[in-house]
Amino acid sequence: MPSFLLGDVSYDFLVPLILYVGIYRPVREGVVVALVTGFVMDNLSAGPFGVYGAAYIWMFVASKWMTTFLQMRRNRFLLSFAVALGVLLENLIFLGAFAVSGAGFGIPGDAVRVVGGQTLWGMGTGVFLILLINYAHEKWDGWFRARLSKES
């Protein structure tokens, strides 16, 4: 994604979605979303197969774990911090996968700068994406329930 949007500071915009399902939705929904999005991204990327799936599953597990002792649903600072940690975790998984792969890839020299920029950008914008997803999901759920009650 280096040529997409803002260059090196663009991060994976599916990170807030995975964190949203980890924080706001039940486990059975979150696991399906994490697996399906991971499978789709693994097929679309040119990286080693399974790296997105592993990153999304670990992000989902970490977000579920954090909600056991932190009240993250209403605290915007914690949501922002969670997105920053999610972006950082994803990048660390990617860098680790490329470092241990036998394809001759190493860790790029400017990786710290890029990962730092993506993490800060995720911290600043990710909370708004999570809140937007939550708002849209609540509206969709209300519309769907109203529709079902009309048919009954």
C-alpha atoms as a PDB file:
ATOM      1  CA  MET A   1       0.000   0.000   0.000  1.00  0.00           C
ATOM      2  CA  PRO A   2       2.892   2.483  -0.266  1.00  0.00           C
ATOM      3  CA  SER A   3       1.293   4.338  -3.193  1.00  0.00           C
ATOM      4  CA  PHE A   4      -2.180   4.398  -1.650  1.00  0.00           C
ATOM      5  CA  LEU A   5      -3.514   7.548   0.017  1.00  0.00           C
ATOM      6  CA  LEU A   6      -0.821   9.066   2.213  1.00  0.00           C
ATOM      7  CA  GLY A   7       2.146   6.920   1.308  1.00  0.00           C
ATOM      8  CA  ASP A   8       3.991   5.291   4.152  1.00  0.00           C
ATOM      9  CA  VAL A   9       1.524   6.327   6.864  1.00  0.00           C
ATOM     10  CA  SER A  10      -1.428   4.427   5.372  1.00  0.00           C
ATOM     11  CA  TYR A  11      -2.306   1.476   7.545  1.00  0.00           C
ATOM     12  CA  ASP A  12      -4.590  -1.506   7.080  1.00  0.00           C
ATOM     13  CA  PHE A  13      -8.099  -0.079   7.476  1.00  0.00           C
ATOM     14  CA  LEU A  14      -9.422  -3.512   8.406  1.00  0.00           C
ATOM     15  CA  VAL A  15      -7.634  -3.261  11.762  1.00  0.00           C
ATOM     16  CA  PRO A  16     -10.433  -1.090  13.248  1.00  0.00           C
ATOM     17  CA  LEU A  17     -13.013  -3.575  11.929  1.00  0.00           C
ATOM     18  CA  ILE A  18     -11.272  -6.511  13.602  1.00  0.00           C
ATOM     19  CA  LEU A  19     -10.944  -4.532  16.827  1.00  0.00           C
ATOM     20  CA  TYR A  20     -14.604  -3.495  16.618  1.00  0.00           C
ATOM     21  CA  VAL A  21     -15.798  -7.095  16.444  1.00  0.00           C
ATOM     22  CA  GLY A  22     -13.411  -7.974  19.252  1.00  0.00           C
ATOM     23  CA  ILE A  23     -14.675  -5.217  21.527  1.00  0.00           C
ATOM     24  CA  TYR A  24     -18.371  -4.931  20.666  1.00  0.00           C
ATOM     25  CA  ARG A  25     -19.480  -8.280  19.219  1.00  0.00           C
ATOM     26  CA  PRO A  26     -19.711 -11.854  20.531  1.00  0.00           C
ATOM     27  CA  VAL A  27     -16.888 -14.332  19.982  1.00  0.00           C
ATOM     28  CA  ARG A  28     -18.728 -16.407  17.362  1.00  0.00           C
ATOM     29  CA  GLU A  29     -19.197 -13.346  15.118  1.00  0.00           C
ATOM     30  CA  GLY A  30     -15.683 -12.056  15.645  1.00  0.00           C
ATOM     31  CA  VAL A  31     -13.969 -15.314  14.809  1.00  0.00           C
ATOM     32  CA  VAL A  32     -15.882 -15.568  11.532  1.00  0.00           C
ATOM     33  CA  VAL A  33     -15.082 -11.966  10.583  1.00  0.00           C
ATOM     34  CA  ALA A  34     -11.394 -12.379  11.462  1.00  0.00           C
ATOM     35  CA  LEU A  35     -11.073 -15.647   9.529  1.00  0.00           C
ATOM     36  CA  VAL A  36     -12.952 -14.454   6.434  1.00  0.00           C
ATOM     37  CA  THR A  37     -11.177 -11.088   6.195  1.00  0.00           C
ATOM     38  CA  GLY A  38      -7.841 -12.777   6.839  1.00  0.00           C
ATOM     39  CA  PHE A  39      -8.493 -15.321   4.087  1.00  0.00           C
ATOM     40  CA  VAL A  40      -9.559 -12.616   1.621  1.00  0.00           C
ATOM     41  CA  MET A  41      -6.564 -10.403   2.391  1.00  0.00           C
ATOM     42  CA  ASP A  42      -4.181 -13.353   2.185  1.00  0.00           C
ATOM     43  CA  ASN A  43      -5.505 -14.083  -1.296  1.00  0.00           C
ATOM     44  CA  LEU A  44      -5.233 -10.449  -2.378  1.00  0.00           C
ATOM     45  CA  SER A  45      -1.766  -9.778  -0.969  1.00  0.00           C
ATOM     46  CA  ALA A  46       1.545 -10.843  -2.374  1.00  0.00           C
ATOM     47  CA  GLY A  47       2.859 -11.861   1.029  1.00  0.00           C
ATOM     48  CA  PRO A  48       3.158 -15.301   2.559  1.00  0.00           C
ATOM     49  CA  PHE A  49      -0.206 -17.013   2.817  1.00  0.00           C
ATOM     50  CA  GLY A  50      -1.646 -16.884   6.326  1.00  0.00           C
ATOM     51  CA  VAL A  51       0.110 -13.749   7.525  1.00  0.00           C
ATOM     52  CA  TYR A  52      -3.048 -11.607   7.426  1.00  0.00           C
ATOM     53  CA  GLY A  53      -5.132 -14.393   8.933  1.00  0.00           C
ATOM     54  CA  ALA A  54      -2.650 -14.790  11.783  1.00  0.00           C
ATOM     55  CA  ALA A  55      -2.504 -11.033  12.353  1.00  0.00           C
ATOM     56  CA  TYR A  56      -6.289 -10.670  12.417  1.00  0.00           C
ATOM     57  CA  ILE A  57      -6.803 -13.652  14.727  1.00  0.00           C
ATOM     58  CA  TRP A  58      -4.163 -12.368  17.153  1.00  0.00           C
ATOM     59  CA  MET A  59      -5.700  -8.872  17.056  1.00  0.00           C
ATOM     60  CA  PHE A  60      -9.129 -10.323  17.752  1.00  0.00           C
ATOM     61  CA  VAL A  61      -7.827 -12.441  20.644  1.00  0.00           C
ATOM     62  CA  ALA A  62      -5.924  -9.469  22.093  1.00  0.00           C
ATOM     63  CA  SER A  63      -8.982  -7.211  21.876  1.00  0.00           C
ATOM     64  CA  LYS A  64     -11.165  -9.829  23.585  1.00  0.00           C
ATOM     65  CA  TRP A  65      -8.530 -10.242  26.273  1.00  0.00           C
ATOM     66  CA  MET A  66      -8.272  -6.480  26.846  1.00  0.00           C
ATOM     67  CA  THR A  67     -12.049  -6.173  27.281  1.00  0.00           C
ATOM     68  CA  THR A  68     -11.930  -8.608  30.192  1.00  0.00           C
ATOM     69  CA  PHE A  69     -10.265  -6.021  32.423  1.00  0.00           C
ATOM     70  CA  LEU A  70     -10.691  -2.669  30.624  1.00  0.00           C
ATOM     71  CA  GLN A  71     -13.939  -0.831  29.895  1.00  0.00           C
ATOM     72  CA  MET A  72     -13.110  -0.076  26.271  1.00  0.00           C
ATOM     73  CA  ARG A  73     -16.562   0.440  24.777  1.00  0.00           C
ATOM     74  CA  ARG A  74     -17.000   4.041  25.905  1.00  0.00           C
ATOM     75  CA  ASN A  75     -13.427   5.210  26.457  1.00  0.00           C
ATOM     76  CA  ARG A  76     -12.161   6.862  23.284  1.00  0.00           C
ATOM     77  CA  PHE A  77      -8.592   7.037  24.531  1.00  0.00           C
ATOM     78  CA  LEU A  78      -8.508   3.279  25.110  1.00  0.00           C
ATOM     79  CA  LEU A  79     -10.052   2.679  21.673  1.00  0.00           C
ATOM     80  CA  SER A  80      -7.392   4.898  20.122  1.00  0.00           C
ATOM     81  CA  PHE A  81      -4.686   3.078  22.063  1.00  0.00           C
ATOM     82  CA  ALA A  82      -6.133  -0.289  20.975  1.00  0.00           C
ATOM     83  CA  VAL A  83      -5.990   0.700  17.294  1.00  0.00           C
ATOM     84  CA  ALA A  84      -2.388   1.843  17.690  1.00  0.00           C
ATOM     85  CA  LEU A  85      -1.504  -1.475  19.328  1.00  0.00           C
ATOM     86  CA  GLY A  86      -3.386  -3.355  16.594  1.00  0.00           C
ATOM     87  CA  VAL A  87      -1.477  -1.581  13.834  1.00  0.00           C
ATOM     88  CA  LEU A  88       1.788  -2.182  15.687  1.00  0.00           C
ATOM     89  CA  LEU A  89       0.972  -5.877  16.241  1.00  0.00           C
ATOM     90  CA  GLU A  90       0.074  -6.357  12.588  1.00  0.00           C
ATOM     91  CA  ASN A  91       3.302  -4.724  11.429  1.00  0.00           C
ATOM     92  CA  LEU A  92       5.376  -6.783  13.848  1.00  0.00           C
ATOM     93  CA  ILE A  93       3.758  -9.973  12.548  1.00  0.00           C
ATOM     94  CA  PHE A  94       4.430  -8.880   8.960  1.00  0.00           C
ATOM     95  CA  LEU A  95       8.052  -7.954   9.677  1.00  0.00           C
ATOM     96  CA  GLY A  96       8.581 -11.209  11.548  1.00  0.00           C
ATOM     97  CA  ALA A  97       7.100 -13.237   8.702  1.00  0.00           C
ATOM     98  CA  PHE A  98       9.293 -11.533   6.116  1.00  0.00           C
ATOM     99  CA  ALA A  99      12.391 -11.795   8.305  1.00  0.00           C
ATOM    100  CA  VAL A 100      12.071 -15.563   8.772  1.00  0.00           C
ATOM    101  CA  SER A 101      10.911 -16.367   5.245  1.00  0.00           C
ATOM    102  CA  GLY A 102      13.456 -18.063   3.047  1.00  0.00           C
ATOM    103  CA  ALA A 103      12.777 -15.709   0.137  1.00  0.00           C
ATOM    104  CA  GLY A 104      15.749 -13.476   0.907  1.00  0.00           C
ATOM    105  CA  PHE A 105      13.633 -10.674   2.307  1.00  0.00           C
ATOM    106  CA  GLY A 106      15.055  -8.794   5.232  1.00  0.00           C
ATOM    107  CA  ILE A 107      13.634  -6.085   7.406  1.00  0.00           C
ATOM    108  CA  PRO A 108      13.777  -2.786   5.483  1.00  0.00           C
ATOM    109  CA  GLY A 109      15.984  -0.045   6.870  1.00  0.00           C
ATOM    110  CA  ASP A 110      13.153   2.464   7.172  1.00  0.00           C
ATOM    111  CA  ALA A 111      10.791  -0.002   8.880  1.00  0.00           C
ATOM    112  CA  VAL A 112      10.850   1.829  12.214  1.00  0.00           C
ATOM    113  CA  ARG A 113       9.873   5.112  10.578  1.00  0.00           C
ATOM    114  CA  VAL A 114       7.075   3.528   8.531  1.00  0.00           C
ATOM    115  CA  VAL A 115       5.694   1.455  11.412  1.00  0.00           C
ATOM    116  CA  GLY A 116       5.859   4.478  13.722  1.00  0.00           C
ATOM    117  CA  GLY A 117       3.979   6.641  11.228  1.00  0.00           C
ATOM    118  CA  GLN A 118       1.324   4.007  10.660  1.00  0.00           C
ATOM    119  CA  THR A 119       0.912   3.503  14.405  1.00  0.00           C
ATOM    120  CA  LEU A 120       0.472   7.226  15.059  1.00  0.00           C
ATOM    121  CA  TRP A 121      -1.894   7.559  12.120  1.00  0.00           C
ATOM    122  CA  GLY A 122      -3.904   4.592  13.407  1.00  0.00           C
ATOM    123  CA  MET A 123      -4.041   6.133  16.879  1.00  0.00           C
ATOM    124  CA  GLY A 124      -5.411   9.368  15.436  1.00  0.00           C
ATOM    125  CA  THR A 125      -7.951   7.996  12.985  1.00  0.00           C
ATOM    126  CA  GLY A 126      -8.788   4.469  14.098  1.00  0.00           C
ATOM    127  CA  VAL A 127     -11.093   5.503  16.936  1.00  0.00           C
ATOM    128  CA  PHE A 128     -13.276   7.397  14.458  1.00  0.00           C
ATOM    129  CA  LEU A 129     -13.481   4.349  12.207  1.00  0.00           C
ATOM    130  CA  ILE A 130     -14.480   2.122  15.141  1.00  0.00           C
ATOM    131  CA  LEU A 131     -17.162   4.603  16.210  1.00  0.00           C
ATOM    132  CA  LEU A 132     -18.406   4.892  12.620  1.00  0.00           C
ATOM    133  CA  ILE A 133     -18.614   1.101  12.301  1.00  0.00           C
ATOM    134  CA  ASN A 134     -20.464   0.923  15.633  1.00  0.00           C
ATOM    135  CA  TYR A 135     -22.922   3.638  14.565  1.00  0.00           C
ATOM    136  CA  ALA A 136     -23.571   1.980  11.209  1.00  0.00           C
ATOM    137  CA  HIS A 137     -24.016  -1.414  12.846  1.00  0.00           C
ATOM    138  CA  GLU A 138     -26.514  -0.043  15.389  1.00  0.00           C
ATOM    139  CA  LYS A 139     -28.511   1.676  12.614  1.00  0.00           C
ATOM    140  CA  TRP A 140     -28.470  -1.463  10.476  1.00  0.00           C
ATOM    141  CA  ASP A 141     -29.523  -3.592  13.444  1.00  0.00           C
ATOM    142  CA  GLY A 142     -32.404  -1.204  14.260  1.00  0.00           C
ATOM    143  CA  TRP A 143     -33.563  -1.165  10.655  1.00  0.00           C
ATOM    144  CA  PHE A 144     -33.341  -4.952  10.445  1.00  0.00           C
ATOM    145  CA  ARG A 145     -35.291  -5.480  13.687  1.00  0.00           C
ATOM    146  CA  ALA A 146     -37.981  -3.018  12.574  1.00  0.00           C
ATOM    147  CA  ARG A 147     -38.233  -4.832   9.265  1.00  0.00           C
ATOM    148  CA  LEU A 148     -38.593  -8.205  10.988  1.00  0.00           C
ATOM    149  CA  SER A 149     -41.255  -6.904  13.361  1.00  0.00           C
ATOM    150  CA  LYS A 150     -43.299  -5.567  10.405  1.00  0.00           C
ATOM    151  CA  GLU A 151     -43.229  -8.969   8.719  1.00  0.00           C
ATOM    152  CA  SER A 152     -44.339 -10.815  11.871  1.00  0.00           C
END
